[in-house]
Amino acid sequence: MPEKTGVGIFYTSVYGNTERAVLLLNEKLQKVGVTTQVYDLSKCDMSAAVAAAFEFDKAVFATTTYNMDVFPFMRDFLERLAERNYQNRKVALIENGSWAPNAAKVMQGILEKCKNISYAEPVVRINSAMSNENEDQISLLCKELL
């Protein structure tokens, strides 16, 4: 069972565009009083990020499509969660990809091993850089995560 109500936000970003989306979502969540913690999986201690994922009742996983897969740090993180019986959580997905975003599908595939995962809508799909539509989707996602 989750230890606290809030949102753990876990991401990887290659050129900073996925990070911008994550920081916008984090700002919106904090503005309405939601407890959040943000982890850049390419820079943080992976064991601390895994522990944090189990603390919160909701999570956001945001990453780029990388060779039709997900960025390696995100794959490693999600596989660690699945190995440790991650379950009973609401999860939101943000994917980024220039010509063929595939990260959300891959993340869901990894999380299929986990029990009782519900997905927040919408899945935010960024095509390289954030658009006005993406900002609107992030606002909707913020409401889903309340």
C-alpha atoms as a PDB file:
ATOM      1  CA  MET A   1       0.000   0.000   0.000  1.00  0.00           C
ATOM      2  CA  PRO A   2       1.204   3.524  -0.779  1.00  0.00           C
ATOM      3  CA  GLU A   3       2.664   5.411   2.171  1.00  0.00           C
ATOM      4  CA  LYS A   4       1.386   8.841   1.166  1.00  0.00           C
ATOM      5  CA  THR A   5      -0.963  10.689  -1.113  1.00  0.00           C
ATOM      6  CA  GLY A   6       0.864  12.543  -3.849  1.00  0.00           C
ATOM      7  CA  VAL A   7       2.535  12.176  -7.202  1.00  0.00           C
ATOM      8  CA  GLY A   8       5.990  10.846  -7.936  1.00  0.00           C
ATOM      9  CA  ILE A   9       7.163  12.153 -11.303  1.00  0.00           C
ATOM     10  CA  PHE A  10       9.861  10.094 -13.006  1.00  0.00           C
ATOM     11  CA  TYR A  11      11.354  11.125 -16.331  1.00  0.00           C
ATOM     12  CA  THR A  12      14.158  11.047 -18.848  1.00  0.00           C
ATOM     13  CA  SER A  13      14.728  13.794 -21.369  1.00  0.00           C
ATOM     14  CA  VAL A  14      17.196  13.921 -24.228  1.00  0.00           C
ATOM     15  CA  TYR A  15      16.930  17.531 -25.449  1.00  0.00           C
ATOM     16  CA  GLY A  16      14.989  19.054 -22.561  1.00  0.00           C
ATOM     17  CA  ASN A  17      11.525  19.010 -24.126  1.00  0.00           C
ATOM     18  CA  THR A  18      10.200  16.129 -22.028  1.00  0.00           C
ATOM     19  CA  GLU A  19      11.683  17.806 -18.973  1.00  0.00           C
ATOM     20  CA  ARG A  20       9.797  21.030 -19.797  1.00  0.00           C
ATOM     21  CA  ALA A  21       6.523  19.089 -19.900  1.00  0.00           C
ATOM     22  CA  VAL A  22       7.304  17.408 -16.565  1.00  0.00           C
ATOM     23  CA  LEU A  23       8.193  20.701 -14.895  1.00  0.00           C
ATOM     24  CA  LEU A  24       4.982  22.302 -16.170  1.00  0.00           C
ATOM     25  CA  LEU A  25       2.912  19.422 -14.777  1.00  0.00           C
ATOM     26  CA  ASN A  26       4.800  19.589 -11.486  1.00  0.00           C
ATOM     27  CA  GLU A  27       4.161  23.325 -11.225  1.00  0.00           C
ATOM     28  CA  LYS A  28       0.442  22.890 -11.905  1.00  0.00           C
ATOM     29  CA  LEU A  29       0.121  20.090  -9.350  1.00  0.00           C
ATOM     30  CA  GLN A  30       1.957  22.018  -6.663  1.00  0.00           C
ATOM     31  CA  LYS A  31      -0.123  25.126  -7.357  1.00  0.00           C
ATOM     32  CA  VAL A  32      -3.261  23.216  -6.312  1.00  0.00           C
ATOM     33  CA  GLY A  33      -1.602  21.741  -3.226  1.00  0.00           C
ATOM     34  CA  VAL A  34      -0.575  18.282  -4.439  1.00  0.00           C
ATOM     35  CA  THR A  35       2.602  16.874  -2.885  1.00  0.00           C
ATOM     36  CA  THR A  36       5.074  15.964  -5.639  1.00  0.00           C
ATOM     37  CA  GLN A  37       8.617  14.730  -6.021  1.00  0.00           C
ATOM     38  CA  VAL A  38      10.449  14.852  -9.369  1.00  0.00           C
ATOM     39  CA  TYR A  39      13.198  12.430 -10.384  1.00  0.00           C
ATOM     40  CA  ASP A  40      15.416  12.747 -13.462  1.00  0.00           C
ATOM     41  CA  LEU A  41      16.240   9.070 -13.914  1.00  0.00           C
ATOM     42  CA  SER A  42      19.401   9.799 -15.881  1.00  0.00           C
ATOM     43  CA  LYS A  43      20.887  11.761 -12.958  1.00  0.00           C
ATOM     44  CA  CYS A  44      19.405  10.469  -9.703  1.00  0.00           C
ATOM     45  CA  ASP A  45      20.147   7.475  -7.523  1.00  0.00           C
ATOM     46  CA  MET A  46      17.989   4.745  -9.071  1.00  0.00           C
ATOM     47  CA  SER A  47      17.306   3.054  -5.741  1.00  0.00           C
ATOM     48  CA  ALA A  48      15.960   6.349  -4.323  1.00  0.00           C
ATOM     49  CA  ALA A  49      13.654   6.711  -7.335  1.00  0.00           C
ATOM     50  CA  VAL A  50      12.360   3.139  -6.950  1.00  0.00           C
ATOM     51  CA  ALA A  51      11.713   3.706  -3.244  1.00  0.00           C
ATOM     52  CA  ALA A  52       9.844   6.943  -4.036  1.00  0.00           C
ATOM     53  CA  ALA A  53       7.641   5.185  -6.581  1.00  0.00           C
ATOM     54  CA  PHE A  54       6.397   2.931  -3.792  1.00  0.00           C
ATOM     55  CA  GLU A  55       5.781   5.870  -1.442  1.00  0.00           C
ATOM     56  CA  PHE A  56       3.268   7.735  -3.596  1.00  0.00           C
ATOM     57  CA  ASP A  57      -0.212   6.593  -4.619  1.00  0.00           C
ATOM     58  CA  LYS A  58       0.180   8.112  -8.106  1.00  0.00           C
ATOM     59  CA  ALA A  59       3.037   8.269 -10.579  1.00  0.00           C
ATOM     60  CA  VAL A  60       3.900   9.992 -13.827  1.00  0.00           C
ATOM     61  CA  PHE A  61       6.309   8.265 -16.191  1.00  0.00           C
ATOM     62  CA  ALA A  62       7.658  10.525 -18.936  1.00  0.00           C
ATOM     63  CA  THR A  63      10.242   9.590 -21.521  1.00  0.00           C
ATOM     64  CA  THR A  64      11.325   9.745 -25.111  1.00  0.00           C
ATOM     65  CA  THR A  65      10.968   7.097 -27.751  1.00  0.00           C
ATOM     66  CA  TYR A  66      14.464   5.734 -28.269  1.00  0.00           C
ATOM     67  CA  ASN A  67      15.010   3.248 -31.119  1.00  0.00           C
ATOM     68  CA  MET A  68      11.274   2.372 -30.962  1.00  0.00           C
ATOM     69  CA  ASP A  69      11.719   1.584 -27.269  1.00  0.00           C
ATOM     70  CA  VAL A  70      12.100   3.871 -24.250  1.00  0.00           C
ATOM     71  CA  PHE A  71      15.205   5.648 -23.053  1.00  0.00           C
ATOM     72  CA  PRO A  72      17.366   3.045 -21.218  1.00  0.00           C
ATOM     73  CA  PHE A  73      17.154   4.687 -17.773  1.00  0.00           C
ATOM     74  CA  MET A  74      13.347   4.577 -17.934  1.00  0.00           C
ATOM     75  CA  ARG A  75      13.350   0.951 -19.064  1.00  0.00           C
ATOM     76  CA  ASP A  76      15.649   0.005 -16.189  1.00  0.00           C
ATOM     77  CA  PHE A  77      13.453   1.909 -13.709  1.00  0.00           C
ATOM     78  CA  LEU A  78      10.171   0.357 -14.884  1.00  0.00           C
ATOM     79  CA  GLU A  79      11.640  -3.143 -14.938  1.00  0.00           C
ATOM     80  CA  ARG A  80      12.820  -2.655 -11.345  1.00  0.00           C
ATOM     81  CA  LEU A  81       9.290  -1.608 -10.354  1.00  0.00           C
ATOM     82  CA  ALA A  82       7.757  -4.637 -12.077  1.00  0.00           C
ATOM     83  CA  GLU A  83      10.303  -6.981 -10.438  1.00  0.00           C
ATOM     84  CA  ARG A  84       9.329  -5.598  -7.032  1.00  0.00           C
ATOM     85  CA  ASN A  85       5.582  -6.102  -7.482  1.00  0.00           C
ATOM     86  CA  TYR A  86       4.593  -2.471  -8.105  1.00  0.00           C
ATOM     87  CA  GLN A  87       0.798  -2.365  -7.838  1.00  0.00           C
ATOM     88  CA  ASN A  88      -2.353  -0.526  -6.790  1.00  0.00           C
ATOM     89  CA  ARG A  89      -1.371   2.786  -8.331  1.00  0.00           C
ATOM     90  CA  LYS A  90      -2.722   5.367 -10.744  1.00  0.00           C
ATOM     91  CA  VAL A  91      -0.181   6.047 -13.476  1.00  0.00           C
ATOM     92  CA  ALA A  92       0.047   8.843 -16.041  1.00  0.00           C
ATOM     93  CA  LEU A  93       2.188   8.613 -19.174  1.00  0.00           C
ATOM     94  CA  ILE A  94       3.962  11.301 -21.162  1.00  0.00           C
ATOM     95  CA  GLU A  95       5.795  10.270 -24.310  1.00  0.00           C
ATOM     96  CA  ASN A  96       7.960  12.211 -26.720  1.00  0.00           C
ATOM     97  CA  GLY A  97       9.012  11.239 -30.213  1.00  0.00           C
ATOM     98  CA  SER A  98       9.761  13.048 -33.426  1.00  0.00           C
ATOM     99  CA  TRP A  99       8.326  10.821 -36.113  1.00  0.00           C
ATOM    100  CA  ALA A 100       6.897   7.763 -34.338  1.00  0.00           C
ATOM    101  CA  PRO A 101       6.197   8.166 -30.626  1.00  0.00           C
ATOM    102  CA  ASN A 102       6.099   4.681 -29.126  1.00  0.00           C
ATOM    103  CA  ALA A 103       7.175   5.208 -25.521  1.00  0.00           C
ATOM    104  CA  ALA A 104       3.696   5.006 -23.940  1.00  0.00           C
ATOM    105  CA  LYS A 105       3.013   1.634 -25.573  1.00  0.00           C
ATOM    106  CA  VAL A 106       6.377   0.286 -24.402  1.00  0.00           C
ATOM    107  CA  MET A 107       5.892   1.602 -20.854  1.00  0.00           C
ATOM    108  CA  GLN A 108       2.444   0.007 -20.661  1.00  0.00           C
ATOM    109  CA  GLY A 109       3.926  -3.242 -21.930  1.00  0.00           C
ATOM    110  CA  ILE A 110       6.484  -3.301 -19.126  1.00  0.00           C
ATOM    111  CA  LEU A 111       3.822  -2.403 -16.561  1.00  0.00           C
ATOM    112  CA  GLU A 112       1.513  -5.240 -17.722  1.00  0.00           C
ATOM    113  CA  LYS A 113       3.274  -7.430 -15.153  1.00  0.00           C
ATOM    114  CA  CYS A 114       2.039  -5.119 -12.382  1.00  0.00           C
ATOM    115  CA  LYS A 115      -1.319  -5.654 -10.690  1.00  0.00           C
ATOM    116  CA  ASN A 116      -4.063  -3.092 -10.346  1.00  0.00           C
ATOM    117  CA  ILE A 117      -2.527  -0.260 -12.356  1.00  0.00           C
ATOM    118  CA  SER A 118      -5.019   2.293 -13.651  1.00  0.00           C
ATOM    119  CA  TYR A 119      -4.032   4.825 -16.278  1.00  0.00           C
ATOM    120  CA  ALA A 120      -4.840   8.520 -16.185  1.00  0.00           C
ATOM    121  CA  GLU A 121      -6.055  10.136 -19.375  1.00  0.00           C
ATOM    122  CA  PRO A 122      -4.937  11.688 -21.572  1.00  0.00           C
ATOM    123  CA  VAL A 123      -1.608  10.164 -22.510  1.00  0.00           C
ATOM    124  CA  VAL A 124       0.408  13.239 -23.424  1.00  0.00           C
ATOM    125  CA  ARG A 125       2.123  12.747 -26.796  1.00  0.00           C
ATOM    126  CA  ILE A 126       4.798  15.339 -27.581  1.00  0.00           C
ATOM    127  CA  ASN A 127       6.236  15.528 -31.073  1.00  0.00           C
ATOM    128  CA  SER A 128       9.732  16.876 -30.351  1.00  0.00           C
ATOM    129  CA  ALA A 129       8.726  20.147 -28.602  1.00  0.00           C
ATOM    130  CA  MET A 130       5.653  20.992 -26.540  1.00  0.00           C
ATOM    131  CA  SER A 131       2.720  22.535 -28.370  1.00  0.00           C
ATOM    132  CA  ASN A 132      -0.290  24.483 -27.104  1.00  0.00           C
ATOM    133  CA  GLU A 133      -2.258  21.230 -27.386  1.00  0.00           C
ATOM    134  CA  ASN A 134       0.291  19.517 -25.123  1.00  0.00           C
ATOM    135  CA  GLU A 135      -0.072  22.285 -22.553  1.00  0.00           C
ATOM    136  CA  ASP A 136      -3.845  21.734 -22.603  1.00  0.00           C
ATOM    137  CA  GLN A 137      -3.317  17.967 -22.203  1.00  0.00           C
ATOM    138  CA  ILE A 138      -1.033  18.589 -19.222  1.00  0.00           C
ATOM    139  CA  SER A 139      -3.746  20.725 -17.616  1.00  0.00           C
ATOM    140  CA  LEU A 140      -6.239  17.874 -18.092  1.00  0.00           C
ATOM    141  CA  LEU A 141      -3.742  15.381 -16.722  1.00  0.00           C
ATOM    142  CA  CYS A 142      -3.243  17.580 -13.664  1.00  0.00           C
ATOM    143  CA  LYS A 143      -6.984  17.384 -12.957  1.00  0.00           C
ATOM    144  CA  GLU A 144      -6.899  13.573 -13.350  1.00  0.00           C
ATOM    145  CA  LEU A 145      -4.123  13.328 -10.774  1.00  0.00           C
ATOM    146  CA  LEU A 146      -5.926  15.298  -8.049  1.00  0.00           C
END
